[in-house]
């Protein structure tokens, strides 16, 4: 089991900035940008590619939800 990441790129725009440029953003570049913004793993340990890769599904899901919402702002949040 790996250590939990306390602030894995909590600033959603870091993932989004990289994701806008590529469908498979470079995790090392994301880690570098997180470090530049003071975002670290547990115990102030630098984020690794492995740390970030454990959360890419969540980042992608959130990015998809955000971009779909902005593409169709009239879409209802409640079905029915």
N, C-alpha and C. Protein backbone atom coordinates (compact mmCIF):
# COMPACT_ATOMS: atom_id res chain seq x y z
N UNK A 1 0.85 -1.17 0.00
CA UNK A 1 0.00 0.00 0.00
C UNK A 1 0.89 1.24 0.00
N UNK A 2 0.52 2.21 -0.81
CA UNK A 2 1.32 3.42 -0.89
C UNK A 2 0.81 4.47 0.08
N UNK A 3 1.66 5.45 0.36
CA UNK A 3 1.27 6.54 1.24
C UNK A 3 0.20 7.39 0.56
N UNK A 4 -0.74 7.91 1.31
CA UNK A 4 -1.73 8.80 0.69
C UNK A 4 -1.09 10.12 0.29
N UNK A 5 -1.56 10.67 -0.78
CA UNK A 5 -1.07 11.96 -1.23
C UNK A 5 -1.97 13.02 -0.64
N UNK A 6 -1.38 13.96 0.07
CA UNK A 6 -2.19 14.93 0.79
C UNK A 6 -2.73 16.02 -0.12
N UNK A 7 -1.99 16.42 -1.11
CA UNK A 7 -2.44 17.49 -1.99
C UNK A 7 -2.07 17.17 -3.43
N UNK A 8 -2.47 16.06 -3.93
CA UNK A 8 -2.09 15.73 -5.29
C UNK A 8 -2.72 16.72 -6.26
N UNK A 9 -1.93 17.67 -6.67
CA UNK A 9 -2.37 18.67 -7.64
C UNK A 9 -3.76 19.17 -7.32
N UNK A 10 -3.93 19.64 -6.10
CA UNK A 10 -5.25 20.09 -5.67
C UNK A 10 -5.72 21.29 -6.48
N UNK A 11 -4.83 21.98 -7.12
CA UNK A 11 -5.21 23.08 -8.00
C UNK A 11 -5.62 22.45 -9.33
N UNK A 12 -6.91 22.33 -9.59
CA UNK A 12 -7.37 21.58 -10.76
C UNK A 12 -6.83 22.11 -12.07
N UNK A 13 -6.43 23.35 -12.11
CA UNK A 13 -5.96 23.88 -13.38
C UNK A 13 -4.63 23.29 -13.82
N UNK A 14 -3.83 22.77 -12.90
CA UNK A 14 -2.56 22.15 -13.32
C UNK A 14 -2.86 20.96 -14.22
N UNK A 15 -3.73 20.06 -13.77
CA UNK A 15 -4.10 18.93 -14.63
C UNK A 15 -4.75 19.43 -15.91
N UNK A 16 -5.69 20.38 -15.78
CA UNK A 16 -6.42 20.88 -16.94
C UNK A 16 -5.49 21.53 -17.95
N UNK A 17 -4.53 22.30 -17.47
CA UNK A 17 -3.58 22.95 -18.38
C UNK A 17 -2.82 21.91 -19.21
N UNK A 18 -2.40 20.86 -18.56
CA UNK A 18 -1.67 19.82 -19.26
C UNK A 18 -2.60 18.97 -20.13
N UNK A 19 -3.81 18.75 -19.63
CA UNK A 19 -4.77 17.91 -20.35
C UNK A 19 -5.27 18.58 -21.61
N UNK A 20 -5.39 19.90 -21.60
CA UNK A 20 -5.82 20.63 -22.79
C UNK A 20 -4.85 20.44 -23.94
N UNK A 21 -3.58 20.27 -23.62
CA UNK A 21 -2.57 20.12 -24.65
C UNK A 21 -2.37 18.69 -25.14
N UNK A 22 -2.89 17.72 -24.39
CA UNK A 22 -2.65 16.33 -24.74
C UNK A 22 -3.68 15.43 -24.07
N UNK A 23 -4.10 14.39 -24.77
CA UNK A 23 -5.02 13.44 -24.15
C UNK A 23 -4.30 12.56 -23.14
N UNK A 24 -2.97 12.55 -23.20
CA UNK A 24 -2.17 11.82 -22.21
C UNK A 24 -1.07 12.76 -21.70
N UNK A 25 -1.40 13.62 -20.76
CA UNK A 25 -0.42 14.59 -20.27
C UNK A 25 0.79 13.92 -19.61
N UNK A 26 1.93 14.56 -19.73
CA UNK A 26 3.16 14.04 -19.15
C UNK A 26 3.13 14.20 -17.63
N UNK A 27 3.15 13.07 -16.94
CA UNK A 27 3.04 13.10 -15.48
C UNK A 27 4.23 13.77 -14.82
N UNK A 28 5.41 13.64 -15.43
CA UNK A 28 6.57 14.31 -14.85
C UNK A 28 6.44 15.83 -14.94
N UNK A 29 5.85 16.32 -16.01
CA UNK A 29 5.62 17.76 -16.15
C UNK A 29 4.58 18.24 -15.14
N UNK A 30 3.55 17.44 -14.91
CA UNK A 30 2.53 17.77 -13.92
C UNK A 30 3.17 17.82 -12.53
N UNK A 31 4.01 16.83 -12.23
CA UNK A 31 4.71 16.82 -10.95
C UNK A 31 5.59 18.04 -10.78
N UNK A 32 6.26 18.43 -11.84
CA UNK A 32 7.12 19.61 -11.79
C UNK A 32 6.30 20.87 -11.50
N UNK A 33 5.16 21.01 -12.19
CA UNK A 33 4.30 22.17 -11.96
C UNK A 33 3.70 22.16 -10.55
N UNK A 34 3.34 20.99 -10.06
CA UNK A 34 2.83 20.90 -8.68
C UNK A 34 3.90 21.37 -7.71
N UNK A 35 5.13 20.91 -7.91
CA UNK A 35 6.24 21.31 -7.03
C UNK A 35 6.46 22.82 -7.09
N UNK A 36 6.34 23.38 -8.29
CA UNK A 36 6.52 24.82 -8.46
C UNK A 36 5.46 25.62 -7.70
N UNK A 37 4.31 24.99 -7.45
CA UNK A 37 3.23 25.64 -6.70
C UNK A 37 3.20 25.20 -5.24
N UNK A 38 4.24 24.48 -4.82
CA UNK A 38 4.35 24.08 -3.42
C UNK A 38 3.46 22.89 -3.05
N UNK A 39 2.99 22.17 -4.04
CA UNK A 39 2.13 21.01 -3.77
C UNK A 39 3.03 19.78 -3.64
N UNK A 40 2.92 19.11 -2.50
CA UNK A 40 3.77 17.96 -2.21
C UNK A 40 2.92 16.77 -1.79
N UNK A 41 3.59 15.65 -1.67
CA UNK A 41 2.96 14.45 -1.13
C UNK A 41 3.05 14.51 0.39
N UNK A 42 2.64 13.46 1.03
CA UNK A 42 2.66 13.41 2.49
C UNK A 42 4.07 13.66 3.02
N UNK A 43 4.14 14.38 4.12
CA UNK A 43 5.41 14.72 4.79
C UNK A 43 6.31 15.59 3.91
N UNK A 44 5.72 16.43 3.09
CA UNK A 44 6.44 17.33 2.19
C UNK A 44 7.37 16.60 1.22
N UNK A 45 7.06 15.38 0.96
CA UNK A 45 7.83 14.59 -0.01
C UNK A 45 7.43 15.02 -1.42
N UNK A 46 8.38 15.19 -2.32
CA UNK A 46 8.02 15.58 -3.69
C UNK A 46 7.09 14.54 -4.32
N UNK A 47 6.15 15.02 -5.13
CA UNK A 47 5.28 14.10 -5.85
C UNK A 47 6.08 13.34 -6.88
N UNK A 48 5.78 12.08 -7.03
CA UNK A 48 6.43 11.26 -8.04
C UNK A 48 5.42 10.94 -9.14
N UNK A 49 5.91 10.45 -10.24
CA UNK A 49 5.04 10.01 -11.33
C UNK A 49 4.08 8.95 -10.80
N UNK A 50 4.56 8.09 -9.95
CA UNK A 50 3.71 7.04 -9.38
C UNK A 50 2.58 7.65 -8.55
N UNK A 51 2.90 8.64 -7.72
CA UNK A 51 1.87 9.31 -6.91
C UNK A 51 0.76 9.85 -7.81
N UNK A 52 1.16 10.56 -8.84
CA UNK A 52 0.19 11.19 -9.73
C UNK A 52 -0.59 10.13 -10.52
N UNK A 53 0.10 9.09 -10.98
CA UNK A 53 -0.56 8.07 -11.80
C UNK A 53 -1.66 7.35 -11.03
N UNK A 54 -1.55 7.29 -9.72
CA UNK A 54 -2.59 6.66 -8.92
C UNK A 54 -3.89 7.45 -8.94
N UNK A 55 -3.84 8.71 -9.37
CA UNK A 55 -5.01 9.58 -9.35
C UNK A 55 -5.44 10.05 -10.73
N UNK A 56 -4.79 9.57 -11.78
CA UNK A 56 -5.13 10.07 -13.11
C UNK A 56 -6.58 9.77 -13.50
N UNK A 57 -7.12 8.65 -13.08
CA UNK A 57 -8.52 8.36 -13.41
C UNK A 57 -9.44 9.41 -12.80
N UNK A 58 -9.18 9.80 -11.56
CA UNK A 58 -9.99 10.84 -10.91
C UNK A 58 -9.80 12.19 -11.58
N UNK A 59 -8.55 12.53 -11.88
CA UNK A 59 -8.29 13.80 -12.57
C UNK A 59 -9.01 13.84 -13.90
N UNK A 60 -8.93 12.74 -14.65
CA UNK A 60 -9.56 12.69 -15.97
C UNK A 60 -11.09 12.77 -15.85
N UNK A 61 -11.64 12.06 -14.90
CA UNK A 61 -13.10 12.10 -14.70
C UNK A 61 -13.55 13.52 -14.39
N UNK A 62 -12.83 14.18 -13.52
CA UNK A 62 -13.19 15.56 -13.16
C UNK A 62 -13.01 16.50 -14.34
N UNK A 63 -11.93 16.31 -15.08
CA UNK A 63 -11.68 17.15 -16.26
C UNK A 63 -12.80 16.95 -17.28
N UNK A 64 -13.18 15.71 -17.52
CA UNK A 64 -14.27 15.43 -18.47
C UNK A 64 -15.57 16.08 -18.00
N UNK A 65 -15.88 15.94 -16.72
CA UNK A 65 -17.12 16.52 -16.20
C UNK A 65 -17.11 18.04 -16.35
N UNK A 66 -15.97 18.65 -16.07
CA UNK A 66 -15.87 20.11 -16.17
C UNK A 66 -15.98 20.57 -17.62
N UNK A 67 -15.27 19.91 -18.52
CA UNK A 67 -15.30 20.36 -19.91
C UNK A 67 -16.66 20.09 -20.53
N UNK A 68 -17.32 19.02 -20.16
CA UNK A 68 -18.66 18.75 -20.69
C UNK A 68 -19.65 19.76 -20.14
N UNK A 69 -19.52 20.12 -18.87
CA UNK A 69 -20.41 21.11 -18.26
C UNK A 69 -20.25 22.46 -18.95
N UNK A 70 -19.02 22.88 -19.20
CA UNK A 70 -18.78 24.17 -19.84
C UNK A 70 -19.20 24.14 -21.30
N UNK A 71 -19.15 22.99 -21.93
CA UNK A 71 -19.56 22.88 -23.32
C UNK A 71 -21.08 23.01 -23.45
N UNK A 72 -21.81 22.61 -22.42
CA UNK A 72 -23.27 22.64 -22.45
C UNK A 72 -23.79 23.20 -21.12
N UNK A 73 -23.66 24.51 -20.89
CA UNK A 73 -24.06 25.08 -19.60
C UNK A 73 -25.55 24.99 -19.34
N UNK A 74 -26.37 24.73 -20.35
CA UNK A 74 -27.80 24.62 -20.16
C UNK A 74 -28.22 23.24 -19.72
N UNK A 75 -27.29 22.29 -19.72
CA UNK A 75 -27.61 20.92 -19.34
C UNK A 75 -28.12 20.87 -17.91
N UNK A 76 -29.21 20.19 -17.72
CA UNK A 76 -29.80 20.10 -16.40
C UNK A 76 -28.97 19.18 -15.51
N UNK A 77 -28.88 19.55 -14.24
CA UNK A 77 -28.15 18.72 -13.27
C UNK A 77 -29.05 17.63 -12.69
N UNK A 78 -30.34 17.72 -12.95
CA UNK A 78 -31.27 16.74 -12.41
C UNK A 78 -32.03 16.12 -13.57
N UNK A 79 -32.03 14.82 -13.63
CA UNK A 79 -32.79 14.14 -14.67
C UNK A 79 -34.25 14.10 -14.28
N UNK A 80 -35.10 14.39 -15.25
CA UNK A 80 -36.53 14.25 -15.00
C UNK A 80 -37.29 15.46 -14.89
